[in-house]
Structure formats: structure tokens, C-alpha cells
Amino acid sequence: MNKGEVVDAVAAKAKITKKQADQVISAFLEVVTEAVANGEKITLVGFGSFERRERSEHEGRNPKTNEPMTIPATRVPAFSPGKQFKEKVAP
């Protein structure tokens, strides 16, 4: 399902226009992205949590040459599904 299909589904379920649904979804994604980028954790009870995680520097291998290399530390976005979401997907 892509963003357009999500917009259509939300518009139908909430009985609002597609334009309104698109604005709401775009605003939601923007808020989540900015908050996680700033190190905040967003928790939606029953759905899950969005947060920023730190990955430490670690040793890796170049797949072409098989030579060891150092992979630098970085920050990555992460999602942890909530209990209700997990139960719905895998009953």
C-alpha cells in the first residue's frame, strides 16, 4: 500500500475528503519525523513507538574484497510495534 492508497482508505474510513486526509497524513509524518530526529520518542498506545537509536561503531567486512573495515557510529530511526498491533498481525 502506498501513500495514495492510505490517503484513500483514511478518507473513506473517516468520511473526509481525500485532500483533508492527505493533509492530516502529511502533517502526522512530518511531526513524527521531526520529533524522532530531535531525539524524542513517540508512543501511540496499541500501535507502537517511534524513536531514535544509536548504533555504535563496529567492525564489518567489505563484501567485494572481504577486507575488514570500521563502520562508523550513527543514529537510526526505529519502530517497535505495540501489543495490540502484534496480536492483530499474528493472532
PDB file of N, CA and C in Angstrom:
ATOM      1  N   MET A   1       0.858  -1.173   0.000  1.00  0.00           N
ATOM      2  CA  MET A   1       0.000   0.000   0.000  1.00  0.00           C
ATOM      3  C   MET A   1       0.903   1.235   0.000  1.00  0.00           C
ATOM      4  N   ASN A   2       0.675   2.138  -0.939  1.00  0.00           N
ATOM      5  CA  ASN A   2       1.467   3.361  -0.970  1.00  0.00           C
ATOM      6  C   ASN A   2       0.696   4.515  -0.320  1.00  0.00           C
ATOM      7  N   LYS A   3       1.307   5.697  -0.286  1.00  0.00           N
ATOM      8  CA  LYS A   3       0.683   6.820   0.409  1.00  0.00           C
ATOM      9  C   LYS A   3      -0.684   7.178  -0.191  1.00  0.00           C
ATOM     10  N   GLY A   4      -0.804   7.146  -1.506  1.00  0.00           N
ATOM     11  CA  GLY A   4      -2.077   7.463  -2.159  1.00  0.00           C
ATOM     12  C   GLY A   4      -3.188   6.507  -1.738  1.00  0.00           C
ATOM     13  N   GLU A   5      -2.855   5.236  -1.635  1.00  0.00           N
ATOM     14  CA  GLU A   5      -3.845   4.238  -1.216  1.00  0.00           C
ATOM     15  C   GLU A   5      -4.205   4.429   0.260  1.00  0.00           C
ATOM     16  N   VAL A   6      -3.225   4.800   1.080  1.00  0.00           N
ATOM     17  CA  VAL A   6      -3.508   5.071   2.501  1.00  0.00           C
ATOM     18  C   VAL A   6      -4.431   6.283   2.609  1.00  0.00           C
ATOM     19  N   VAL A   7      -4.154   7.321   1.827  1.00  0.00           N
ATOM     20  CA  VAL A   7      -5.000   8.524   1.831  1.00  0.00           C
ATOM     21  C   VAL A   7      -6.431   8.154   1.459  1.00  0.00           C
ATOM     22  N   ASP A   8      -6.605   7.347   0.422  1.00  0.00           N
ATOM     23  CA  ASP A   8      -7.945   6.919   0.002  1.00  0.00           C
ATOM     24  C   ASP A   8      -8.650   6.149   1.117  1.00  0.00           C
ATOM     25  N   ALA A   9      -7.937   5.232   1.761  1.00  0.00           N
ATOM     26  CA  ALA A   9      -8.528   4.417   2.824  1.00  0.00           C
ATOM     27  C   ALA A   9      -8.903   5.272   4.035  1.00  0.00           C
ATOM     28  N   VAL A  10      -8.029   6.188   4.424  1.00  0.00           N
ATOM     29  CA  VAL A  10      -8.319   7.068   5.574  1.00  0.00           C
ATOM     30  C   VAL A  10      -9.502   7.974   5.256  1.00  0.00           C
ATOM     31  N   ALA A  11      -9.539   8.525   4.056  1.00  0.00           N
ATOM     32  CA  ALA A  11     -10.643   9.406   3.659  1.00  0.00           C
ATOM     33  C   ALA A  11     -11.976   8.661   3.736  1.00  0.00           C
ATOM     34  N   ALA A  12     -11.994   7.420   3.257  1.00  0.00           N
ATOM     35  CA  ALA A  12     -13.227   6.629   3.284  1.00  0.00           C
ATOM     36  C   ALA A  12     -13.624   6.275   4.718  1.00  0.00           C
ATOM     37  N   LYS A  13     -12.654   5.877   5.532  1.00  0.00           N
ATOM     38  CA  LYS A  13     -12.944   5.446   6.898  1.00  0.00           C
ATOM     39  C   LYS A  13     -13.383   6.623   7.782  1.00  0.00           C
ATOM     40  N   ALA A  14     -12.748   7.778   7.609  1.00  0.00           N
ATOM     41  CA  ALA A  14     -13.046   8.945   8.439  1.00  0.00           C
ATOM     42  C   ALA A  14     -14.150   9.824   7.834  1.00  0.00           C
ATOM     43  N   LYS A  15     -14.588   9.456   6.636  1.00  0.00           N
ATOM     44  CA  LYS A  15     -15.626  10.221   5.938  1.00  0.00           C
ATOM     45  C   LYS A  15     -15.216  11.688   5.769  1.00  0.00           C
ATOM     46  N   ILE A  16     -13.994  11.876   5.255  1.00  0.00           N
ATOM     47  CA  ILE A  16     -13.480  13.206   4.943  1.00  0.00           C
ATOM     48  C   ILE A  16     -12.976  13.174   3.502  1.00  0.00           C
ATOM     49  N   THR A  17     -12.643  14.350   2.973  1.00  0.00           N
ATOM     50  CA  THR A  17     -12.159  14.390   1.595  1.00  0.00           C
ATOM     51  C   THR A  17     -10.739  13.830   1.520  1.00  0.00           C
ATOM     52  N   LYS A  18     -10.356  13.438   0.309  1.00  0.00           N
ATOM     53  CA  LYS A  18      -9.003  12.920   0.107  1.00  0.00           C
ATOM     54  C   LYS A  18      -7.974  14.013   0.397  1.00  0.00           C
ATOM     55  N   LYS A  19      -8.305  15.245   0.062  1.00  0.00           N
ATOM     56  CA  LYS A  19      -7.386  16.365   0.303  1.00  0.00           C
ATOM     57  C   LYS A  19      -7.152  16.537   1.804  1.00  0.00           C
ATOM     58  N   GLN A  20      -8.226  16.459   2.598  1.00  0.00           N
ATOM     59  CA  GLN A  20      -8.096  16.578   4.055  1.00  0.00           C
ATOM     60  C   GLN A  20      -7.277  15.410   4.620  1.00  0.00           C
ATOM     61  N   ALA A  21      -7.557  14.210   4.131  1.00  0.00           N
ATOM     62  CA  ALA A  21      -6.830  13.028   4.602  1.00  0.00           C
ATOM     63  C   ALA A  21      -5.350  13.158   4.265  1.00  0.00           C
ATOM     64  N   ASP A  22      -5.034  13.633   3.068  1.00  0.00           N
ATOM     65  CA  ASP A  22      -3.642  13.814   2.664  1.00  0.00           C
ATOM     66  C   ASP A  22      -2.948  14.835   3.562  1.00  0.00           C
ATOM     67  N   GLN A  23      -3.634  15.931   3.891  1.00  0.00           N
ATOM     68  CA  GLN A  23      -3.051  16.951   4.767  1.00  0.00           C
ATOM     69  C   GLN A  23      -2.777  16.384   6.160  1.00  0.00           C
ATOM     70  N   VAL A  24      -3.704  15.605   6.689  1.00  0.00           N
ATOM     71  CA  VAL A  24      -3.546  15.019   8.020  1.00  0.00           C
ATOM     72  C   VAL A  24      -2.391  14.018   8.034  1.00  0.00           C
ATOM     73  N   ILE A  25      -2.343  13.143   7.041  1.00  0.00           N
ATOM     74  CA  ILE A  25      -1.284  12.137   6.985  1.00  0.00           C
ATOM     75  C   ILE A  25       0.076  12.806   6.799  1.00  0.00           C
ATOM     76  N   SER A  26       0.161  13.799   5.923  1.00  0.00           N
ATOM     77  CA  SER A  26       1.423  14.511   5.700  1.00  0.00           C
ATOM     78  C   SER A  26       1.877  15.217   6.971  1.00  0.00           C
ATOM     79  N   ALA A  27       0.939  15.840   7.689  1.00  0.00           N
ATOM     80  CA  ALA A  27       1.274  16.531   8.941  1.00  0.00           C
ATOM     81  C   ALA A  27       1.757  15.516   9.984  1.00  0.00           C
ATOM     82  N   PHE A  28       1.081  14.382  10.076  1.00  0.00           N
ATOM     83  CA  PHE A  28       1.473  13.338  11.027  1.00  0.00           C
ATOM     84  C   PHE A  28       2.897  12.862  10.739  1.00  0.00           C
ATOM     85  N   LEU A  29       3.185  12.567   9.487  1.00  0.00           N
ATOM     86  CA  LEU A  29       4.514  12.087   9.121  1.00  0.00           C
ATOM     87  C   LEU A  29       5.585  13.135   9.417  1.00  0.00           C
ATOM     88  N   GLU A  30       5.267  14.393   9.165  1.00  0.00           N
ATOM     89  CA  GLU A  30       6.204  15.482   9.435  1.00  0.00           C
ATOM     90  C   GLU A  30       6.485  15.607  10.933  1.00  0.00           C
ATOM     91  N   VAL A  31       5.439  15.531  11.748  1.00  0.00           N
ATOM     92  CA  VAL A  31       5.592  15.630  13.203  1.00  0.00           C
ATOM     93  C   VAL A  31       6.428  14.468  13.731  1.00  0.00           C
ATOM     94  N   VAL A  32       6.145  13.251  13.280  1.00  0.00           N
ATOM     95  CA  VAL A  32       6.894  12.076  13.735  1.00  0.00           C
ATOM     96  C   VAL A  32       8.357  12.195  13.316  1.00  0.00           C
ATOM     97  N   THR A  33       8.602  12.567  12.076  1.00  0.00           N
ATOM     98  CA  THR A  33       9.973  12.694  11.567  1.00  0.00           C
ATOM     99  C   THR A  33      10.763  13.719  12.354  1.00  0.00           C
ATOM    100  N   GLU A  34      10.183  14.896  12.591  1.00  0.00           N
ATOM    101  CA  GLU A  34      10.876  15.958  13.330  1.00  0.00           C
ATOM    102  C   GLU A  34      11.145  15.546  14.776  1.00  0.00           C
ATOM    103  N   ALA A  35      10.156  14.930  15.409  1.00  0.00           N
ATOM    104  CA  ALA A  35      10.319  14.530  16.809  1.00  0.00           C
ATOM    105  C   ALA A  35      11.411  13.479  16.961  1.00  0.00           C
ATOM    106  N   VAL A  36      11.399  12.469  16.116  1.00  0.00           N
ATOM    107  CA  VAL A  36      12.407  11.405  16.195  1.00  0.00           C
ATOM    108  C   VAL A  36      13.789  11.976  15.867  1.00  0.00           C
ATOM    109  N   ALA A  37      13.866  12.868  14.891  1.00  0.00           N
ATOM    110  CA  ALA A  37      15.144  13.492  14.545  1.00  0.00           C
ATOM    111  C   ALA A  37      15.707  14.290  15.718  1.00  0.00           C
ATOM    112  N   ASN A  38      14.814  14.848  16.545  1.00  0.00           N
ATOM    113  CA  ASN A  38      15.236  15.617  17.718  1.00  0.00           C
ATOM    114  C   ASN A  38      15.463  14.744  18.952  1.00  0.00           C
ATOM    115  N   GLY A  39      15.371  13.431  18.798  1.00  0.00           N
ATOM    116  CA  GLY A  39      15.645  12.521  19.898  1.00  0.00           C
ATOM    117  C   GLY A  39      14.450  12.221  20.780  1.00  0.00           C
ATOM    118  N   GLU A  40      13.265  12.656  20.393  1.00  0.00           N
ATOM    119  CA  GLU A  40      12.063  12.371  21.179  1.00  0.00           C
ATOM    120  C   GLU A  40      11.515  10.991  20.812  1.00  0.00           C
ATOM    121  N   LYS A  41      10.779  10.403  21.738  1.00  0.00           N
ATOM    122  CA  LYS A  41      10.117   9.119  21.500  1.00  0.00           C
ATOM    123  C   LYS A  41       8.619   9.392  21.383  1.00  0.00           C
ATOM    124  N   ILE A  42       7.999   8.830  20.368  1.00  0.00           N
ATOM    125  CA  ILE A  42       6.557   8.972  20.179  1.00  0.00           C
ATOM    126  C   ILE A  42       5.925   7.615  20.434  1.00  0.00           C
ATOM    127  N   THR A  43       4.981   7.561  21.372  1.00  0.00           N
ATOM    128  CA  THR A  43       4.300   6.319  21.709  1.00  0.00           C
ATOM    129  C   THR A  43       2.816   6.455  21.407  1.00  0.00           C
ATOM    130  N   LEU A  44       2.311   5.569  20.571  1.00  0.00           N
ATOM    131  CA  LEU A  44       0.884   5.502  20.256  1.00  0.00           C
ATOM    132  C   LEU A  44       0.395   4.178  20.847  1.00  0.00           C
ATOM    133  N   VAL A  45      -0.276   4.258  21.991  1.00  0.00           N
ATOM    134  CA  VAL A  45      -0.689   3.069  22.727  1.00  0.00           C
ATOM    135  C   VAL A  45      -1.496   2.139  21.819  1.00  0.00           C
ATOM    136  N   GLY A  46      -1.112   0.880  21.807  1.00  0.00           N
ATOM    137  CA  GLY A  46      -1.785  -0.118  20.995  1.00  0.00           C
ATOM    138  C   GLY A  46      -1.180  -0.254  19.607  1.00  0.00           C
ATOM    139  N   PHE A  47      -0.535   0.811  19.114  1.00  0.00           N
ATOM    140  CA  PHE A  47       0.057   0.774  17.776  1.00  0.00           C
ATOM    141  C   PHE A  47       1.554   0.531  17.847  1.00  0.00           C
ATOM    142  N   GLY A  48       2.276   1.401  18.569  1.00  0.00           N
ATOM    143  CA  GLY A  48       3.715   1.217  18.691  1.00  0.00           C
ATOM    144  C   GLY A  48       4.439   2.502  19.036  1.00  0.00           C
ATOM    145  N   SER A  49       5.767   2.433  18.995  1.00  0.00           N
ATOM    146  CA  SER A  49       6.618   3.567  19.357  1.00  0.00           C
ATOM    147  C   SER A  49       7.622   3.848  18.258  1.00  0.00           C
ATOM    148  N   PHE A  50       7.866   5.129  18.019  1.00  0.00           N
ATOM    149  CA  PHE A  50       8.895   5.584  17.099  1.00  0.00           C
ATOM    150  C   PHE A  50       9.971   6.235  17.952  1.00  0.00           C
ATOM    151  N   GLU A  51      11.237   5.914  17.687  1.00  0.00           N
ATOM    152  CA  GLU A  51      12.323   6.520  18.448  1.00  0.00           C
ATOM    153  C   GLU A  51      13.604   6.510  17.636  1.00  0.00           C
ATOM    154  N   ARG A  52      14.584   7.251  18.138  1.00  0.00           N
ATOM    155  CA  ARG A  52      15.906   7.282  17.523  1.00  0.00           C
ATOM    156  C   ARG A  52      16.820   6.384  18.348  1.00  0.00           C
ATOM    157  N   ARG A  53      17.567   5.533  17.670  1.00  0.00           N
ATOM    158  CA  ARG A  53      18.502   4.656  18.362  1.00  0.00           C
ATOM    159  C   ARG A  53      19.919   4.957  17.889  1.00  0.00           C
ATOM    160  N   GLU A  54      20.850   4.733  18.784  1.00  0.00           N
ATOM    161  CA  GLU A  54      22.264   4.958  18.489  1.00  0.00           C
ATOM    162  C   GLU A  54      22.889   3.623  18.115  1.00  0.00           C
ATOM    163  N   ARG A  55      23.608   3.597  17.017  1.00  0.00           N
ATOM    164  CA  ARG A  55      24.378   2.416  16.638  1.00  0.00           C
ATOM    165  C   ARG A  55      25.842   2.744  16.879  1.00  0.00           C
ATOM    166  N   SER A  56      26.516   1.912  17.637  1.00  0.00           N
ATOM    167  CA  SER A  56      27.920   2.170  17.942  1.00  0.00           C
ATOM    168  C   SER A  56      28.806   1.777  16.753  1.00  0.00           C
ATOM    169  N   GLU A  57      30.004   2.287  16.779  1.00  0.00           N
ATOM    170  CA  GLU A  57      30.983   1.928  15.758  1.00  0.00           C
ATOM    171  C   GLU A  57      31.267   0.437  15.878  1.00  0.00           C
ATOM    172  N   HIS A  58      31.344  -0.250  14.755  1.00  0.00           N
ATOM    173  CA  HIS A  58      31.629  -1.681  14.803  1.00  0.00           C
ATOM    174  C   HIS A  58      32.431  -2.127  13.578  1.00  0.00           C
ATOM    175  N   GLU A  59      32.948  -3.308  13.693  1.00  0.00           N
ATOM    176  CA  GLU A  59      33.780  -3.878  12.641  1.00  0.00           C
ATOM    177  C   GLU A  59      32.893  -4.575  11.611  1.00  0.00           C
ATOM    178  N   GLY A  60      33.191  -4.380  10.335  1.00  0.00           N
ATOM    179  CA  GLY A  60      32.448  -5.026   9.275  1.00  0.00           C
ATOM    180  C   GLY A  60      33.413  -5.541   8.221  1.00  0.00           C
ATOM    181  N   ARG A  61      32.885  -6.060   7.136  1.00  0.00           N
ATOM    182  CA  ARG A  61      33.743  -6.552   6.046  1.00  0.00           C
ATOM    183  C   ARG A  61      33.250  -6.001   4.723  1.00  0.00           C
ATOM    184  N   ASN A  62      34.192  -5.652   3.867  1.00  0.00           N
ATOM    185  CA  ASN A  62      33.875  -5.230   2.514  1.00  0.00           C
ATOM    186  C   ASN A  62      33.444  -6.485   1.752  1.00  0.00           C
ATOM    187  N   PRO A  63      32.209  -6.525   1.230  1.00  0.00           N
ATOM    188  CA  PRO A  63      31.732  -7.749   0.576  1.00  0.00           C
ATOM    189  C   PRO A  63      32.514  -8.122  -0.688  1.00  0.00           C
ATOM    190  N   LYS A  64      33.105  -7.126  -1.374  1.00  0.00           N
ATOM    191  CA  LYS A  64      33.868  -7.427  -2.591  1.00  0.00           C
ATOM    192  C   LYS A  64      35.227  -8.041  -2.279  1.00  0.00           C
ATOM    193  N   THR A  65      35.942  -7.410  -1.340  1.00  0.00           N
ATOM    194  CA  THR A  65      37.319  -7.826  -1.074  1.00  0.00           C
ATOM    195  C   THR A  65      37.458  -8.658   0.195  1.00  0.00           C
ATOM    196  N   ASN A  66      36.413  -8.698   0.994  1.00  0.00           N
ATOM    197  CA  ASN A  66      36.405  -9.405   2.274  1.00  0.00           C
ATOM    198  C   ASN A  66      37.392  -8.808   3.290  1.00  0.00           C
ATOM    199  N   GLU A  67      37.836  -7.566   3.028  1.00  0.00           N
ATOM    200  CA  GLU A  67      38.745  -6.897   3.959  1.00  0.00           C
ATOM    201  C   GLU A  67      37.961  -6.319   5.124  1.00  0.00           C
ATOM    202  N   PRO A  68      38.534  -6.362   6.340  1.00  0.00           N
ATOM    203  CA  PRO A  68      37.853  -5.753   7.484  1.00  0.00           C
ATOM    204  C   PRO A  68      37.809  -4.237   7.336  1.00  0.00           C
ATOM    205  N   MET A  69      36.722  -3.638   7.817  1.00  0.00           N
ATOM    206  CA  MET A  69      36.580  -2.185   7.783  1.00  0.00           C
ATOM    207  C   MET A  69      35.790  -1.733   8.993  1.00  0.00           C
ATOM    208  N   THR A  70      35.968  -0.488   9.372  1.00  0.00           N
ATOM    209  CA  THR A  70      35.251   0.055  10.514  1.00  0.00           C
ATOM    210  C   THR A  70      34.007   0.780  10.010  1.00  0.00           C
ATOM    211  N   ILE A  71      32.859   0.409  10.557  1.00  0.00           N
ATOM    212  CA  ILE A  71      31.599   1.074  10.224  1.00  0.00           C
ATOM    213  C   ILE A  71      31.363   2.106  11.314  1.00  0.00           C
ATOM    214  N   PRO A  72      31.253   3.397  10.949  1.00  0.00           N
ATOM    215  CA  PRO A  72      31.151   4.450  11.963  1.00  0.00           C
ATOM    216  C   PRO A  72      29.834   4.418  12.739  1.00  0.00           C
ATOM    217  N   ALA A  73      29.855   5.028  13.911  1.00  0.00           N
ATOM    218  CA  ALA A  73      28.643   5.139  14.731  1.00  0.00           C
ATOM    219  C   ALA A  73      27.634   6.018  13.998  1.00  0.00           C
ATOM    220  N   THR A  74      26.359   5.740  14.211  1.00  0.00           N
ATOM    221  CA  THR A  74      25.315   6.509  13.546  1.00  0.00           C
ATOM    222  C   THR A  74      24.024   6.465  14.359  1.00  0.00           C
ATOM    223  N   ARG A  75      23.080   7.285  13.964  1.00  0.00           N
ATOM    224  CA  ARG A  75      21.743   7.287  14.569  1.00  0.00           C
ATOM    225  C   ARG A  75      20.763   6.770  13.527  1.00  0.00           C
ATOM    226  N   VAL A  76      19.823   5.934  13.965  1.00  0.00           N
ATOM    227  CA  VAL A  76      18.843   5.373  13.046  1.00  0.00           C
ATOM    228  C   VAL A  76      17.443   5.469  13.639  1.00  0.00           C
ATOM    229  N   PRO A  77      16.418   5.655  12.789  1.00  0.00           N
ATOM    230  CA  PRO A  77      15.049   5.624  13.291  1.00  0.00           C
ATOM    231  C   PRO A  77      14.635   4.183  13.561  1.00  0.00           C
ATOM    232  N   ALA A  78      13.775   3.989  14.560  1.00  0.00           N
ATOM    233  CA  ALA A  78      13.319   2.643  14.900  1.00  0.00           C
ATOM    234  C   ALA A  78      11.836   2.665  15.254  1.00  0.00           C
ATOM    235  N   PHE A  79      11.174   1.567  14.950  1.00  0.00           N
ATOM    236  CA  PHE A  79       9.755   1.403  15.298  1.00  0.00           C
ATOM    237  C   PHE A  79       9.611   0.102  16.070  1.00  0.00           C
ATOM    238  N   SER A  80       8.903   0.164  17.188  1.00  0.00           N
ATOM    239  CA  SER A  80       8.595  -1.029  17.968  1.00  0.00           C
ATOM    240  C   SER A  80       7.076  -1.178  18.002  1.00  0.00           C
ATOM    241  N   PRO A  81       6.543  -2.255  17.442  1.00  0.00           N
ATOM    242  CA  PRO A  81       5.094  -2.423  17.429  1.00  0.00           C
ATOM    243  C   PRO A  81       4.533  -2.652  18.831  1.00  0.00           C
ATOM    244  N   GLY A  82       3.315  -2.155  19.053  1.00  0.00           N
ATOM    245  CA  GLY A  82       2.629  -2.341  20.323  1.00  0.00           C
ATOM    246  C   GLY A  82       1.967  -3.711  20.402  1.00  0.00           C
ATOM    247  N   LYS A  83       1.512  -4.060  21.586  1.00  0.00           N
ATOM    248  CA  LYS A  83       0.926  -5.380  21.827  1.00  0.00           C
ATOM    249  C   LYS A  83      -0.295  -5.636  20.939  1.00  0.00           C
ATOM    250  N   GLN A  84      -1.222  -4.676  20.863  1.00  0.00           N
ATOM    251  CA  GLN A  84      -2.432  -4.877  20.058  1.00  0.00           C
ATOM    252  C   GLN A  84      -2.094  -5.045  18.580  1.00  0.00           C
ATOM    253  N   PHE A  85      -1.137  -4.267  18.100  1.00  0.00           N
ATOM    254  CA  PHE A  85      -0.719  -4.353  16.696  1.00  0.00           C
ATOM    255  C   PHE A  85      -0.124  -5.730  16.415  1.00  0.00           C
ATOM    256  N   LYS A  86       0.738  -6.209  17.306  1.00  0.00           N
ATOM    257  CA  LYS A  86       1.365  -7.530  17.145  1.00  0.00           C
ATOM    258  C   LYS A  86       0.306  -8.624  17.139  1.00  0.00           C
ATOM    259  N   GLU A  87      -0.668  -8.517  18.066  1.00  0.00           N
ATOM    260  CA  GLU A  87      -1.724  -9.534  18.152  1.00  0.00           C
ATOM    261  C   GLU A  87      -2.601  -9.557  16.914  1.00  0.00           C
ATOM    262  N   LYS A  88      -2.832  -8.394  16.317  1.00  0.00           N
ATOM    263  CA  LYS A  88      -3.667  -8.293  15.123  1.00  0.00           C
ATOM    264  C   LYS A  88      -2.965  -8.935  13.916  1.00  0.00           C
ATOM    265  N   VAL A  89      -1.636  -8.727  13.845  1.00  0.00           N
ATOM    266  CA  VAL A  89      -0.862  -9.257  12.721  1.00  0.00           C
ATOM    267  C   VAL A  89      -0.636 -10.761  12.863  1.00  0.00           C
ATOM    268  N   ALA A  90      -0.317 -11.214  14.064  1.00  0.00           N
ATOM    269  CA  ALA A  90      -0.034 -12.635  14.292  1.00  0.00           C
ATOM    270  C   ALA A  90      -0.869 -13.149  15.451  1.00  0.00           C
ATOM    271  N   PRO A  91      -2.139 -13.471  15.165  1.00  0.00           N
ATOM    272  CA  PRO A  91      -3.022 -13.928  16.267  1.00  0.00           C
ATOM    273  C   PRO A  91      -2.632 -15.261  16.852  1.00  0.00           C
TER     274      PRO A  91
END
